[in-house]
């Protein structure tokens, strides 16, 4: 920051302040880890956590979604191939 001091221009030293404003001082001693976790699970949060080896295979959530959609599509296709039509029971003839 440059400050004009009379006729000469001098540089004002700027020291970063380590003091935070009072409204920004947080007290984490009363914090509870996972406070809302059960509520999210109860309400049906749509979050899935991948194991590390699975996470290495996908670069982002879009690629995970594409793989899951592909799997669902393949599942639907093969299920239609394996479902057999119901056979009509043979008619009983009157004797």
C-alpha atoms as a PDB file:
ATOM      1  CA  UNK A   1       0.000   0.000   0.000  1.00  0.00           C
ATOM      2  CA  UNK A   2       1.414   3.385  -0.942  1.00  0.00           C
ATOM      3  CA  UNK A   3       0.709   6.365   1.296  1.00  0.00           C
ATOM      4  CA  UNK A   4       1.391   9.956   0.367  1.00  0.00           C
ATOM      5  CA  UNK A   5       3.361  11.636   3.134  1.00  0.00           C
ATOM      6  CA  UNK A   6       3.699  15.307   2.343  1.00  0.00           C
ATOM      7  CA  UNK A   7       5.516  15.562  -0.956  1.00  0.00           C
ATOM      8  CA  UNK A   8       7.279  12.186  -0.749  1.00  0.00           C
ATOM      9  CA  UNK A   9       5.663   8.815  -1.473  1.00  0.00           C
ATOM     10  CA  UNK A  10       6.486   6.206   1.156  1.00  0.00           C
ATOM     11  CA  UNK A  11       5.538   2.577   1.416  1.00  0.00           C
ATOM     12  CA  UNK A  12       3.484   1.581   4.443  1.00  0.00           C
ATOM     13  CA  UNK A  13       4.481  -1.805   5.779  1.00  0.00           C
ATOM     14  CA  UNK A  14       1.676  -4.313   5.888  1.00  0.00           C
ATOM     15  CA  UNK A  15       1.883  -7.005   8.516  1.00  0.00           C
ATOM     16  CA  UNK A  16      -0.634  -9.804   8.470  1.00  0.00           C
ATOM     17  CA  UNK A  17      -2.644  -9.917  11.632  1.00  0.00           C
ATOM     18  CA  UNK A  18      -3.051 -13.232  13.402  1.00  0.00           C
ATOM     19  CA  UNK A  19      -5.983 -11.957  15.400  1.00  0.00           C
ATOM     20  CA  UNK A  20      -9.389 -13.033  14.222  1.00  0.00           C
ATOM     21  CA  UNK A  21     -12.489 -11.025  14.809  1.00  0.00           C
ATOM     22  CA  UNK A  22     -14.514 -12.112  17.815  1.00  0.00           C
ATOM     23  CA  UNK A  23     -17.400 -13.275  15.650  1.00  0.00           C
ATOM     24  CA  UNK A  24     -15.028 -15.704  13.936  1.00  0.00           C
ATOM     25  CA  UNK A  25     -13.639 -17.362  17.030  1.00  0.00           C
ATOM     26  CA  UNK A  26     -14.998 -20.907  17.004  1.00  0.00           C
ATOM     27  CA  UNK A  27     -15.063 -23.200  19.991  1.00  0.00           C
ATOM     28  CA  UNK A  28     -14.854 -26.776  18.742  1.00  0.00           C
ATOM     29  CA  UNK A  29     -14.663 -28.332  22.216  1.00  0.00           C
ATOM     30  CA  UNK A  30     -18.427 -28.888  22.207  1.00  0.00           C
ATOM     31  CA  UNK A  31     -18.523 -30.183  18.606  1.00  0.00           C
ATOM     32  CA  UNK A  32     -19.982 -33.628  17.961  1.00  0.00           C
ATOM     33  CA  UNK A  33     -18.597 -35.724  15.139  1.00  0.00           C
ATOM     34  CA  UNK A  34     -21.260 -37.164  12.825  1.00  0.00           C
ATOM     35  CA  UNK A  35     -24.073 -35.338  14.577  1.00  0.00           C
ATOM     36  CA  UNK A  36     -26.428 -35.502  11.587  1.00  0.00           C
ATOM     37  CA  UNK A  37     -25.266 -38.812  10.123  1.00  0.00           C
ATOM     38  CA  UNK A  38     -28.118 -40.920  11.507  1.00  0.00           C
ATOM     39  CA  UNK A  39     -30.706 -38.385  10.419  1.00  0.00           C
ATOM     40  CA  UNK A  40     -29.336 -38.385   6.875  1.00  0.00           C
ATOM     41  CA  UNK A  41     -29.396 -42.165   6.745  1.00  0.00           C
ATOM     42  CA  UNK A  42     -32.909 -42.249   8.194  1.00  0.00           C
ATOM     43  CA  UNK A  43     -34.183 -39.722   5.656  1.00  0.00           C
ATOM     44  CA  UNK A  44     -32.651 -41.693   2.841  1.00  0.00           C
ATOM     45  CA  UNK A  45     -29.593 -39.700   1.923  1.00  0.00           C
ATOM     46  CA  UNK A  46     -28.376 -40.833  -1.447  1.00  0.00           C
ATOM     47  CA  UNK A  47     -24.697 -41.199  -0.623  1.00  0.00           C
ATOM     48  CA  UNK A  48     -22.533 -44.221  -1.291  1.00  0.00           C
ATOM     49  CA  UNK A  49     -18.960 -44.518  -0.067  1.00  0.00           C
ATOM     50  CA  UNK A  50     -16.618 -46.421  -2.348  1.00  0.00           C
ATOM     51  CA  UNK A  51     -13.884 -48.662  -1.075  1.00  0.00           C
ATOM     52  CA  UNK A  52     -10.381 -47.381  -1.959  1.00  0.00           C
ATOM     53  CA  UNK A  53      -9.820 -49.973  -4.703  1.00  0.00           C
ATOM     54  CA  UNK A  54     -13.139 -49.049  -6.325  1.00  0.00           C
ATOM     55  CA  UNK A  55     -12.454 -45.342  -6.016  1.00  0.00           C
ATOM     56  CA  UNK A  56      -9.184 -45.771  -7.927  1.00  0.00           C
ATOM     57  CA  UNK A  57     -11.104 -47.133 -10.924  1.00  0.00           C
ATOM     58  CA  UNK A  58     -13.291 -44.014 -11.304  1.00  0.00           C
ATOM     59  CA  UNK A  59     -12.063 -40.460 -11.726  1.00  0.00           C
ATOM     60  CA  UNK A  60     -15.308 -38.729 -10.686  1.00  0.00           C
ATOM     61  CA  UNK A  61     -18.970 -39.256  -9.819  1.00  0.00           C
ATOM     62  CA  UNK A  62     -20.040 -38.960 -13.469  1.00  0.00           C
ATOM     63  CA  UNK A  63     -17.983 -42.027 -14.394  1.00  0.00           C
ATOM     64  CA  UNK A  64     -19.456 -43.971 -11.455  1.00  0.00           C
ATOM     65  CA  UNK A  65     -22.959 -43.044 -12.588  1.00  0.00           C
ATOM     66  CA  UNK A  66     -22.200 -44.056 -16.188  1.00  0.00           C
ATOM     67  CA  UNK A  67     -20.894 -47.446 -15.039  1.00  0.00           C
ATOM     68  CA  UNK A  68     -23.936 -48.057 -12.828  1.00  0.00           C
ATOM     69  CA  UNK A  69     -26.349 -47.089 -15.612  1.00  0.00           C
ATOM     70  CA  UNK A  70     -24.538 -49.427 -17.978  1.00  0.00           C
ATOM     71  CA  UNK A  71     -24.796 -52.225 -15.423  1.00  0.00           C
ATOM     72  CA  UNK A  72     -28.530 -51.583 -14.947  1.00  0.00           C
ATOM     73  CA  UNK A  73     -29.108 -51.571 -18.697  1.00  0.00           C
ATOM     74  CA  UNK A  74     -27.236 -54.853 -19.091  1.00  0.00           C
ATOM     75  CA  UNK A  75     -29.172 -56.323 -16.185  1.00  0.00           C
ATOM     76  CA  UNK A  76     -32.504 -55.394 -17.789  1.00  0.00           C
ATOM     77  CA  UNK A  77     -31.428 -56.846 -21.133  1.00  0.00           C
ATOM     78  CA  UNK A  78     -30.310 -60.170 -19.701  1.00  0.00           C
ATOM     79  CA  UNK A  79     -33.339 -60.450 -17.428  1.00  0.00           C
ATOM     80  CA  UNK A  80     -35.648 -60.181 -20.431  1.00  0.00           C
ATOM     81  CA  UNK A  81     -33.707 -62.963 -22.116  1.00  0.00           C
ATOM     82  CA  UNK A  82     -33.979 -65.339 -19.175  1.00  0.00           C
ATOM     83  CA  UNK A  83     -37.639 -64.838 -18.279  1.00  0.00           C
ATOM     84  CA  UNK A  84     -39.658 -67.653 -19.745  1.00  0.00           C
ATOM     85  CA  UNK A  85     -43.227 -67.171 -20.719  1.00  0.00           C
ATOM     86  CA  UNK A  86     -45.718 -68.898 -18.510  1.00  0.00           C
ATOM     87  CA  UNK A  87     -47.109 -72.003 -20.124  1.00  0.00           C
ATOM     88  CA  UNK A  88     -50.802 -72.468 -20.194  1.00  0.00           C
ATOM     89  CA  UNK A  89     -51.854 -75.472 -18.173  1.00  0.00           C
ATOM     90  CA  UNK A  90     -53.092 -78.321 -20.387  1.00  0.00           C
ATOM     91  CA  UNK A  91     -56.830 -78.432 -20.727  1.00  0.00           C
ATOM     92  CA  UNK A  92     -58.471 -81.282 -18.985  1.00  0.00           C
ATOM     93  CA  UNK A  93     -60.682 -83.281 -21.224  1.00  0.00           C
ATOM     94  CA  UNK A  94     -64.017 -84.427 -19.989  1.00  0.00           C
ATOM     95  CA  UNK A  95     -64.365 -88.181 -19.960  1.00  0.00           C
END
